[in-house]
Each structure stands twice: as structure tokens, then as C-alpha cells.
Amino acid sequence: MDPQDLNAETPETPAATKPNDWWADAILTAGFVACTAVAVGWIYPPLTADEPAPARKSALTSPTTVSEDSRFGVWTSPVDSHRIRTAKLASSGIYAARITFSVDYRTAEGIVVAGALGEYSATASLQDGNRGQAVENDHSCQVQFEWVTPEELKVVHKGPCGEPANIAGEGMLTGSYRKTGPHAQPSIARSDCSKLRFNEEKLFCAEPGLGVAKEVTAAIFSEAAAALRTMNPADGGIFDSAENAWQKEIRRVCLAAESSPENPNEGKAACFTQSFDARMNWLRLHTGLIRLAQFAARTPTAMTRYSDALARYMDAHGALSLYLPMFTKRLRSILPSQEAEEFEEAMAHRGPRDGLFQSGCGSLGCDQHEAAFEINPETGSVTVAVRKGQRISVYSLEGESADLPAGVEQWLQARSTRVREINYKP
């Protein structure tokens, strides 16, 4: 070999032909991809001796298992032979549950009428330790619950919950519940009605649903009467008499209702059904207002809720609002029986609905006979004004020395130039 060839530069091998270089590039690329995957969360880094394993999410917070959790479903808590508390829980997201509480009624035949004596639904927040709670905005209603064991749910209920027309009174939902499932409804056996003597008996025998509605209405009336007696015990007898009068009236009207020859019971059954429904709705609302008034009397923060509910009731029922238990005692002391009759006649045709202030006219027209009244929910004060021709009488416990409610004051000012005198009583 020529010595000059030894001193000559060796030509460089192309990069693509070096085996070690392409292997190093592959390792670097794989490392870059792995770091990127860890950074964006595609994969998790390996655990070190100092790093504990990630905690497993509980069934209440895991979006993949929340709907399968055994704590959801139907739970019941019997109160007595006729009343049953029921709680239905279902998933409503990762940290929430949709919960429906009701006080159901079981008839003598074993038929369960859900929510007949009260119902409340809300989205409850789920907490650690198998606990949860539902709280309304003004905190007047609070329901706390805890799964003590997989088969026992404990509930503590404070304050009136739900709408006044179907309210769950304070403590009604408190109890220990067991996992059960939906209520089993028995089949109603058809009876032989031909041997019965009276038309009403035959009708209720042929239409078993009427018997259920009648029994449930009686149960709701008992709840209403009990609530009334806690506020105005002296009015219990009056309430019972009014119930008896209502029963006699619907029997008289409904048994005389016309029906088709093909179905002689159709009109009568429809009349009773509508009457029972209307009576139940009114009794629920009446009872709800009593419970709200009692709660607001000792919980000032609940006064707005009670005032709003009372205003809606007055818009719907007018002067009937004055005969709620929280106002009757005061009304009787300022409005004697004869004046009460004149007032009711003057309110025969109501004007625009205006919540806590209401006005109306009698059958002879507003110029001859009209009236107005206003209620102050915070004090239970009632002010009534009755106009007959050129004279207006104002009935109020506070008398002329106190400021009149704003609604009654404006009503009087609008008529001051059209009457000769305004008298204040007592």
C-alpha cells in the first residue's frame, strides 16, 4: 500500500448508513412522546416509593357507578296502619341526587295513595360519609339524611317543605327508612251491588274508586282539623260542622246529577269525583297556610314565604281568607255577625286580584254597596272597610289612631269625595 494513501482523509460515511445513529433517534423520539402523554394526561407516570396510589372514587362520586349505587331506590317508613313515609332517591349527577319524599295513605282495602298527606321533591347534595341534605333558599326547609347501614336510611326534617298546596309539615318526614321497593297494590274485587237499598250505596259499590277518594278526603280533613286545633282549638267544632254541611251538599247535588240511559252512574260519579278532588285540594292548601303561619311566627326569615303564599290564597279565594284560623279570632272581635253578612254581600263581585289587599262590589253595584279588606301577615292584623251608599265603616283593632294599611288607605281616598262620612270601629 502506498504510504501516501495512509495520510489521505478517509471519506465520511453517510448518516443513513450509520447503525447507531438511527437507533438513538428512535429512543429520543419515544421519550418525547412519553413526556407529552404524561403532560396532557393520556397516561400516568409510574409510582415511586414516596407517592401513594390515587384514591379510588366512591360510588357516590363516580360518574360510571352512581346510578348503580344501592343507596338509590325506594325506602319506606311506616307511621301507623294507614300512613307510610316514602323516600325515592335517584342519581342526578356526580354529587347530587333527586329525592322525593311523600306521606302516603293506605286505605282499608290496602290501596296506597302516594303523597295524599304531603309530598316534597328536591335535588339534594351528596356529602362524604354517606350523608346528604336538601335545603331551600331561605333555609326554612331542611332535610338531612344518612345511610346508617346498607339497609337503613335515617332522615331528619326541619321546617315546612314544599308548596303550600301540598306541604310536608315540620318533622313529617323524620324517621328511620328501610329499603323496600314500590308499593304493591291489591286488586279490587267487584261486589254484588244488587242487594243494596240506597242509591248512594249502589253508586259507590259500582264505582270503587269513589270509595277510595272519599276515604282519602276524610284522612286529609283529619290532618287539616288537627292543624287547625293547634292554632285555634275553639274553631274545631265550627270546622267539623262545615265538613258535615259540605258532605250533605255534595250528596244532594251529585245524586241528582243527570246521566245517560246507557250509563246511569256516569254523571253522578263524575260529580263526586270532581267534588272530592276540589275538597282535597282546598284542605291541603288550608293546612299548608296554617303550618306556614305557625313556622313564620317563630322563624322571622320564613315570613316572606308565608306572605307570598297567603297573597296567592287571597287572590284565589278572596274573603274566604279572613276565615283562616290565624284571623278568625280577630275578625270576630271587630266584625259582628250582621256586619259580616253585609261585608260578604259587598264582596260578591271581586275586582282585580291584588294579593294581600282585596276589594269588590255587591249585587246592587259599587255606588250602593262595596267593600275592601287587607291583611298584615306579620301581625295578623285585619282591616275591613264597607261602604253602603254615602257611608263607609272601617273595622280595625287598631282603630282610627293607627295608620291604615296602604291598600285600604288608597281605597278610602279614592272614595272620600263621593261619601258623606267615614266611621272607624271599634
Protein backbone atom coordinates (compact mmCIF):
# COMPACT_ATOMS: atom_id res chain seq x y z
CA MET A 1 0.00 0.00 0.00
CA ASP A 2 1.23 3.43 -0.88
CA PRO A 3 2.25 5.40 2.22
CA GLN A 4 0.54 8.42 0.81
CA ASP A 5 -2.70 6.54 0.93
CA LEU A 6 -2.32 6.25 4.74
CA ASN A 7 -2.15 10.02 5.10
CA ALA A 8 -5.17 10.63 2.92
CA GLU A 9 -8.51 11.57 4.60
CA THR A 10 -11.00 8.75 4.89
CA PRO A 11 -14.24 9.65 3.13
CA GLU A 12 -17.26 10.23 5.62
CA THR A 13 -19.90 7.52 5.74
CA PRO A 14 -23.44 8.87 5.04
CA ALA A 15 -25.66 9.27 8.17
CA ALA A 16 -28.24 6.88 6.84
CA THR A 17 -25.63 4.17 6.80
CA LYS A 18 -24.59 4.53 10.47
CA PRO A 19 -26.48 1.89 12.53
CA ASN A 20 -26.00 3.55 15.98
CA ASP A 21 -27.35 6.97 14.91
CA TRP A 22 -30.82 5.87 13.79
CA TRP A 23 -31.28 3.80 16.97
CA ALA A 24 -30.52 6.88 19.13
CA ASP A 25 -33.03 8.96 17.19
CA ALA A 26 -35.74 6.36 17.82
CA ILE A 27 -35.08 6.41 21.58
CA LEU A 28 -35.21 10.22 21.71
CA THR A 29 -38.48 10.30 19.77
CA ALA A 30 -40.10 7.70 22.06
CA GLY A 31 -39.05 9.68 25.14
CA PHE A 32 -40.53 12.89 23.75
CA VAL A 33 -43.84 11.16 23.02
CA ALA A 34 -43.96 9.64 26.52
CA CYS A 35 -43.34 13.01 28.20
CA THR A 36 -46.05 14.62 26.12
CA ALA A 37 -48.52 11.86 27.02
CA VAL A 38 -47.85 12.34 30.73
CA ALA A 39 -48.17 16.13 30.43
CA VAL A 40 -51.58 16.04 28.77
CA GLY A 41 -52.89 13.21 30.91
CA TRP A 42 -53.04 10.42 28.33
CA ILE A 43 -51.07 8.17 30.67
CA TYR A 44 -49.99 8.37 34.31
CA PRO A 45 -46.34 8.35 35.41
CA PRO A 46 -45.07 5.28 37.25
CA LEU A 47 -45.45 5.39 41.02
CA THR A 48 -42.42 5.97 43.19
CA ALA A 49 -41.89 4.71 46.68
CA ASP A 50 -42.88 8.12 48.08
CA GLU A 51 -46.05 8.54 46.01
CA PRO A 52 -49.23 6.72 47.14
CA ALA A 53 -51.63 5.25 44.61
CA PRO A 54 -54.52 7.53 43.54
CA ALA A 55 -57.53 7.08 45.82
CA ARG A 56 -60.45 5.22 44.26
CA LYS A 57 -63.58 7.37 43.91
CA SER A 58 -66.57 6.33 45.99
CA ALA A 59 -69.74 5.11 44.36
CA LEU A 60 -71.43 8.44 45.19
CA THR A 61 -68.90 10.45 43.20
CA SER A 62 -68.04 8.12 40.35
CA PRO A 63 -69.98 9.01 37.18
CA THR A 64 -69.77 5.42 35.95
CA THR A 65 -71.28 3.79 39.05
CA VAL A 66 -73.54 6.44 40.64
CA SER A 67 -76.74 5.12 39.08
CA GLU A 68 -75.93 1.59 40.30
CA ASP A 69 -75.39 2.57 43.93
CA SER A 70 -77.53 0.55 46.34
CA ARG A 71 -78.43 3.68 48.27
CA PHE A 72 -80.70 4.80 45.47
CA GLY A 73 -84.18 3.34 45.14
CA VAL A 74 -87.36 3.28 47.23
CA TRP A 75 -87.27 3.45 51.03
CA THR A 76 -90.29 3.34 53.35
CA SER A 77 -91.02 4.17 56.98
CA PRO A 78 -94.48 3.13 58.29
CA VAL A 79 -96.13 5.60 60.67
CA ASP A 80 -99.26 3.64 61.52
CA SER A 81 -101.70 1.26 59.82
CA HIS A 82 -102.74 3.93 57.29
CA ARG A 83 -99.79 6.33 56.90
CA ILE A 84 -96.47 5.47 55.27
CA ARG A 85 -93.46 7.74 54.71
CA THR A 86 -91.75 7.02 51.40
CA ALA A 87 -88.43 8.27 50.03
CA LYS A 88 -87.46 7.77 46.40
CA LEU A 89 -83.84 8.56 45.51
CA ALA A 90 -82.26 8.60 42.07
CA SER A 91 -78.99 9.85 40.62
CA SER A 92 -78.90 13.47 39.50
CA GLY A 93 -75.24 13.88 38.66
CA ILE A 94 -71.92 13.13 40.30
CA TYR A 95 -72.54 14.90 43.60
CA ALA A 96 -76.35 15.15 43.64
CA ALA A 97 -79.47 13.03 43.94
CA ARG A 98 -83.09 13.64 43.05
CA ILE A 99 -85.14 12.88 46.13
CA THR A 100 -88.92 12.70 46.54
CA PHE A 101 -90.43 12.32 49.99
CA SER A 102 -94.12 11.65 50.48
CA VAL A 103 -96.57 10.72 53.19
CA ASP A 104 -98.77 8.10 51.58
CA TYR A 105 -102.17 6.87 52.71
CA ARG A 106 -103.22 3.20 52.77
CA THR A 107 -106.96 2.63 52.55
CA ALA A 108 -108.90 -0.03 54.40
CA GLU A 109 -108.61 -2.23 51.29
CA GLY A 110 -104.82 -1.81 51.22
CA ILE A 111 -104.66 0.63 48.29
CA VAL A 112 -101.78 3.09 48.72
CA VAL A 113 -102.36 6.67 47.51
CA ALA A 114 -98.94 8.24 47.09
CA GLY A 115 -98.43 11.74 48.52
CA ALA A 116 -102.01 12.04 49.77
CA LEU A 117 -100.90 13.64 53.06
CA GLY A 118 -97.86 15.59 51.87
CA GLU A 119 -95.07 15.49 49.31
CA TYR A 120 -91.71 17.18 48.76
CA SER A 121 -89.21 16.87 45.90
CA ALA A 122 -85.77 18.43 45.65
CA THR A 123 -82.27 17.96 44.29
CA ALA A 124 -80.12 17.05 47.27
CA SER A 125 -76.37 17.44 47.59
CA LEU A 126 -74.38 14.33 48.45
CA GLN A 127 -71.62 14.56 51.03
CA ASP A 128 -68.87 12.37 52.43
CA GLY A 129 -69.76 9.69 54.91
CA ASN A 130 -72.93 8.50 53.20
CA ARG A 131 -74.75 11.74 54.05
CA GLY A 132 -76.80 14.24 52.10
CA GLN A 133 -79.10 17.21 52.52
CA ALA A 134 -81.70 19.33 50.73
CA VAL A 135 -82.03 22.97 51.81
CA GLU A 136 -84.36 25.58 50.31
CA ASN A 137 -83.10 29.08 49.51
CA ASP A 138 -84.46 30.73 52.66
CA HIS A 139 -83.37 27.75 54.79
CA SER A 140 -86.91 27.38 56.15
CA CYS A 141 -86.92 23.78 54.88
CA GLN A 142 -84.03 21.43 55.69
CA VAL A 143 -83.93 17.69 55.09
CA GLN A 144 -80.82 15.78 56.17
CA PHE A 145 -80.36 12.08 55.53
CA GLU A 146 -77.73 9.44 56.26
CA TRP A 147 -77.31 5.81 55.28
CA VAL A 148 -76.54 4.22 58.66
CA THR A 149 -76.27 0.76 57.11
CA PRO A 150 -76.90 -0.53 53.57
CA GLU A 151 -80.45 -1.32 54.71
CA GLU A 152 -81.27 1.72 56.89
CA LEU A 153 -81.72 5.37 55.95
CA LYS A 154 -82.22 7.96 58.71
CA VAL A 155 -83.93 11.26 57.89
CA VAL A 156 -84.19 14.45 59.97
CA HIS A 157 -86.68 17.02 58.67
CA LYS A 158 -86.93 20.62 59.91
CA GLY A 159 -89.36 23.30 58.77
CA PRO A 160 -92.28 23.14 56.32
CA CYS A 161 -91.18 21.82 52.92
CA GLY A 162 -92.81 22.15 49.51
CA GLU A 163 -95.61 24.23 48.09
CA PRO A 164 -98.48 25.30 50.41
CA ALA A 165 -100.97 23.28 48.33
CA ASN A 166 -99.15 20.05 49.17
CA ILE A 167 -96.79 20.82 52.01
CA ALA A 168 -94.88 18.47 54.27
CA GLY A 169 -95.20 19.95 57.73
CA GLU A 170 -92.22 20.22 60.05
CA GLY A 171 -90.95 16.81 61.15
CA MET A 172 -93.38 14.84 58.96
CA LEU A 173 -90.53 13.18 57.05
CA THR A 174 -88.33 12.43 60.08
CA GLY A 175 -87.84 8.74 60.66
CA SER A 176 -85.93 5.54 60.00
CA TYR A 177 -86.46 4.15 56.49
CA ARG A 178 -85.88 0.66 55.13
CA LYS A 179 -85.09 -0.33 51.56
CA THR A 180 -88.22 -1.91 50.13
CA GLY A 181 -89.40 -1.08 46.63
CA PRO A 182 -92.63 0.24 45.08
CA HIS A 183 -95.86 -0.37 46.97
CA ALA A 184 -97.78 -3.45 45.87
CA GLN A 185 -101.38 -2.54 45.03
CA PRO A 186 -104.08 -5.14 45.68
CA SER A 187 -106.73 -5.81 43.09
CA ILE A 188 -110.21 -4.51 43.90
CA ALA A 189 -112.79 -7.26 43.88
CA ARG A 190 -116.15 -6.41 42.34
CA SER A 191 -119.01 -6.74 44.80
CA ASP A 192 -122.63 -7.68 44.24
CA CYS A 193 -124.38 -4.31 44.41
CA SER A 194 -127.90 -5.56 43.61
CA LYS A 195 -128.79 -6.24 47.24
CA LEU A 196 -128.05 -2.69 48.40
CA ARG A 197 -131.03 -0.44 49.14
CA PHE A 198 -129.86 3.17 48.75
CA ASN A 199 -128.74 4.87 45.55
CA GLU A 200 -125.57 6.24 47.13
CA GLU A 201 -124.55 2.79 48.36
CA LYS A 202 -125.18 1.31 44.92
CA LEU A 203 -123.18 4.04 43.22
CA PHE A 204 -120.15 3.69 45.50
CA CYS A 205 -120.33 -0.09 45.19
CA ALA A 206 -120.37 0.05 41.39
CA GLU A 207 -117.58 2.68 41.31
CA PRO A 208 -114.90 1.51 43.80
CA GLY A 209 -112.69 4.50 43.01
CA LEU A 210 -115.24 6.78 44.65
CA GLY A 211 -114.85 4.94 47.93
CA VAL A 212 -111.08 5.43 47.78
CA ALA A 213 -111.50 9.18 47.07
CA LYS A 214 -113.98 9.53 49.92
CA GLU A 215 -111.69 7.80 52.41
CA VAL A 216 -108.64 9.82 51.35
CA THR A 217 -110.64 13.06 51.59
CA ALA A 218 -111.65 12.12 55.14
CA ALA A 219 -107.99 11.45 56.02
CA ILE A 220 -106.89 14.82 54.63
CA PHE A 221 -109.71 16.50 56.56
CA SER A 222 -108.43 14.88 59.78
CA GLU A 223 -104.95 16.30 59.11
CA ALA A 224 -106.46 19.74 58.46
CA ALA A 225 -108.59 19.62 61.61
CA ALA A 226 -105.57 18.64 63.72
CA ALA A 227 -103.53 21.54 62.31
CA LEU A 228 -106.41 23.95 62.96
CA ARG A 229 -106.81 22.85 66.58
CA THR A 230 -103.13 23.54 67.29
CA MET A 231 -103.71 27.19 66.35
CA ASN A 232 -107.37 27.83 67.25
CA PRO A 233 -108.80 24.99 69.38
CA ALA A 234 -112.13 26.78 69.74
CA ASP A 235 -112.75 26.58 65.98
CA GLY A 236 -112.66 22.78 65.88
CA GLY A 237 -116.42 22.44 66.22
CA ILE A 238 -117.07 25.03 63.51
CA PHE A 239 -114.71 23.20 61.17
CA ASP A 240 -116.45 19.88 61.82
CA SER A 241 -119.86 21.45 61.19
CA ALA A 242 -118.65 22.93 57.91
CA GLU A 243 -117.40 19.49 56.83
CA ASN A 244 -120.74 17.87 57.60
CA ALA A 245 -122.56 20.59 55.68
CA TRP A 246 -120.25 20.05 52.68
CA GLN A 247 -120.88 16.30 52.69
CA LYS A 248 -124.64 16.80 52.74
CA GLU A 249 -124.45 19.30 49.90
CA ILE A 250 -122.40 17.14 47.54
CA ARG A 251 -124.69 14.16 48.20
CA ARG A 252 -127.71 16.28 47.35
CA VAL A 253 -126.17 17.72 44.18
CA CYS A 254 -124.30 14.68 42.86
CA LEU A 255 -127.05 12.12 43.39
CA ALA A 256 -129.32 14.38 41.35
CA ALA A 257 -126.78 14.78 38.52
CA GLU A 258 -128.02 13.72 35.09
CA SER A 259 -126.53 10.73 33.34
CA SER A 260 -127.08 8.94 30.05
CA PRO A 261 -129.52 5.99 29.87
CA GLU A 262 -126.64 3.78 28.73
CA ASN A 263 -124.58 4.67 31.82
CA PRO A 264 -126.84 5.94 34.62
CA ASN A 265 -123.90 6.36 37.01
CA GLU A 266 -121.65 8.41 34.72
CA GLY A 267 -122.80 11.92 35.68
CA LYS A 268 -123.15 11.11 39.36
CA ALA A 269 -119.71 9.50 39.57
CA ALA A 270 -118.11 12.46 37.74
CA CYS A 271 -119.78 14.91 40.14
CA PHE A 272 -118.50 13.08 43.23
CA THR A 273 -115.01 12.72 41.74
CA GLN A 274 -114.73 16.43 40.97
CA SER A 275 -116.12 17.36 44.38
CA PHE A 276 -113.66 15.13 46.24
CA ASP A 277 -110.74 16.47 44.20
CA ALA A 278 -111.71 20.09 44.86
CA ARG A 279 -112.20 19.43 48.57
CA MET A 280 -108.83 17.68 48.92
CA ASN A 281 -107.02 20.50 47.12
CA TRP A 282 -108.60 23.15 49.33
CA LEU A 283 -107.94 21.21 52.55
CA ARG A 284 -104.27 20.76 51.60
CA LEU A 285 -103.89 24.47 50.89
CA HIS A 286 -105.74 25.45 54.07
CA THR A 287 -103.49 23.17 56.14
CA GLY A 288 -100.34 24.37 54.38
CA LEU A 289 -101.09 28.00 55.22
CA ILE A 290 -101.65 27.14 58.87
CA ARG A 291 -98.31 25.34 59.05
CA LEU A 292 -96.51 28.19 57.30
CA ALA A 293 -98.10 30.74 59.66
CA GLN A 294 -97.05 28.78 62.72
CA PHE A 295 -93.50 28.42 61.44
CA ALA A 296 -93.21 32.10 60.42
CA ALA A 297 -94.41 33.19 63.89
CA ARG A 298 -91.24 31.73 65.42
CA THR A 299 -88.91 32.00 62.40
CA PRO A 300 -88.85 35.58 61.02
CA THR A 301 -86.83 34.57 57.95
CA ALA A 302 -89.81 32.50 56.75
CA MET A 303 -92.23 35.47 56.82
CA THR A 304 -91.71 36.33 53.13
CA ARG A 305 -92.54 32.78 52.11
CA TYR A 306 -95.70 32.81 54.21
CA SER A 307 -96.77 36.26 52.95
CA ASP A 308 -96.37 35.20 49.32
CA ALA A 309 -98.37 32.02 49.90
CA LEU A 310 -101.13 33.95 51.71
CA ALA A 311 -101.32 36.54 48.91
CA ARG A 312 -101.82 33.76 46.33
CA TYR A 313 -104.51 32.21 48.51
CA MET A 314 -106.31 35.55 48.82
CA ASP A 315 -106.19 36.02 45.06
CA ALA A 316 -107.83 32.63 44.63
CA HIS A 317 -110.36 32.66 47.48
CA GLY A 318 -110.99 36.33 48.33
CA ALA A 319 -112.89 36.96 51.55
CA LEU A 320 -112.63 33.29 52.49
CA SER A 321 -109.08 34.16 53.60
CA LEU A 322 -110.49 36.04 56.57
CA TYR A 323 -111.79 32.77 57.98
CA LEU A 324 -108.40 31.11 58.22
CA PRO A 325 -107.66 30.17 61.84
CA MET A 326 -104.98 32.85 62.20
CA PHE A 327 -107.52 35.61 61.51
CA THR A 328 -110.95 34.40 62.66
CA LYS A 329 -110.49 35.28 66.32
CA ARG A 330 -109.50 38.85 65.48
CA LEU A 331 -112.19 39.18 62.84
CA ARG A 332 -114.98 38.13 65.19
CA SER A 333 -113.90 40.76 67.70
CA ILE A 334 -114.20 43.64 65.22
CA LEU A 335 -116.87 42.47 62.78
CA PRO A 336 -120.20 41.44 64.34
CA SER A 337 -122.38 38.88 62.57
CA GLN A 338 -124.69 41.40 60.85
CA GLU A 339 -121.75 43.46 59.57
CA ALA A 340 -120.06 40.25 58.43
CA GLU A 341 -123.08 39.42 56.26
CA GLU A 342 -123.03 42.93 54.78
CA PHE A 343 -119.33 42.58 54.09
CA GLU A 344 -119.73 39.24 52.29
CA GLU A 345 -122.53 40.67 50.14
CA ALA A 346 -120.35 43.67 49.29
CA MET A 347 -117.58 41.30 48.13
CA ALA A 348 -119.89 39.28 45.86
CA HIS A 349 -118.15 40.54 42.71
CA ARG A 350 -114.44 41.00 43.25
CA GLY A 351 -112.33 43.50 41.40
CA PRO A 352 -108.76 42.93 40.20
CA ARG A 353 -106.78 40.44 42.29
CA ASP A 354 -104.20 42.25 44.41
CA GLY A 355 -102.72 39.79 46.87
CA LEU A 356 -102.97 40.91 50.48
CA PHE A 357 -105.49 43.64 49.53
CA GLN A 358 -108.84 42.69 48.02
CA SER A 359 -111.94 44.68 47.05
CA GLY A 360 -115.33 44.01 45.48
CA CYS A 361 -118.87 45.18 44.82
CA GLY A 362 -122.29 43.96 45.85
CA SER A 363 -125.14 42.88 43.60
CA LEU A 364 -126.61 46.44 43.60
CA GLY A 365 -123.44 47.96 42.13
CA CYS A 366 -120.37 49.65 43.55
CA ASP A 367 -122.08 53.00 44.17
CA GLN A 368 -124.52 51.37 46.54
CA HIS A 369 -122.58 48.57 48.19
CA GLU A 370 -118.86 47.73 48.11
CA ALA A 371 -116.06 46.64 50.43
CA ALA A 372 -112.33 46.13 50.78
CA PHE A 373 -110.03 44.39 53.22
CA GLU A 374 -106.32 43.95 53.85
CA ILE A 375 -104.26 41.55 55.97
CA ASN A 376 -100.86 42.13 57.55
CA PRO A 377 -99.26 38.65 57.79
CA GLU A 378 -96.56 39.79 60.22
CA THR A 379 -99.02 40.97 62.87
CA GLY A 380 -102.13 39.01 61.86
CA SER A 381 -103.96 42.34 61.72
CA VAL A 382 -107.18 42.54 59.66
CA THR A 383 -108.72 45.78 58.38
CA VAL A 384 -112.17 45.75 56.73
CA ALA A 385 -113.96 48.69 55.07
CA VAL A 386 -117.63 48.50 53.98
CA ARG A 387 -119.45 51.17 52.00
CA LYS A 388 -123.24 51.46 51.89
CA GLY A 389 -124.36 54.44 49.85
CA GLN A 390 -122.89 57.63 51.34
CA ARG A 391 -121.34 55.99 54.40
CA ILE A 392 -118.17 53.94 54.89
CA SER A 393 -117.42 51.97 58.04
CA VAL A 394 -113.86 50.90 58.77
CA TYR A 395 -113.35 47.95 61.15
CA SER A 396 -109.91 47.54 62.71
CA LEU A 397 -108.46 46.51 66.06
CA GLU A 398 -106.06 49.43 65.87
CA GLY A 399 -108.84 51.98 65.34
CA GLU A 400 -108.51 55.46 63.83
CA SER A 401 -105.40 56.33 65.83
CA ALA A 402 -103.24 53.84 63.89
CA ASP A 403 -102.12 54.13 60.30
CA LEU A 404 -104.30 52.25 57.87
CA PRO A 405 -102.80 49.60 55.56
CA ALA A 406 -101.69 51.10 52.24
CA GLY A 407 -104.31 49.31 50.13
CA VAL A 408 -107.26 50.29 52.32
CA GLU A 409 -105.93 53.85 52.63
CA GLN A 410 -105.82 54.29 48.84
CA TRP A 411 -109.28 52.74 48.51
CA LEU A 412 -110.72 55.25 51.02
CA GLN A 413 -109.01 58.24 49.42
CA ALA A 414 -110.48 57.34 46.03
CA ARG A 415 -113.99 57.48 47.57
CA SER A 416 -113.61 60.35 50.01
CA THR A 417 -115.31 62.84 47.67
CA ARG A 418 -118.26 60.55 47.00
CA VAL A 419 -119.35 59.80 50.58
CA ARG A 420 -120.54 61.97 53.43
CA GLU A 421 -118.88 60.20 56.33
CA ILE A 422 -116.23 57.63 57.22
CA ASN A 423 -116.64 55.95 60.60
CA TYR A 424 -113.94 53.93 62.38
CA LYS A 425 -114.92 50.97 64.58
CA PRO A 426 -114.42 49.99 67.26
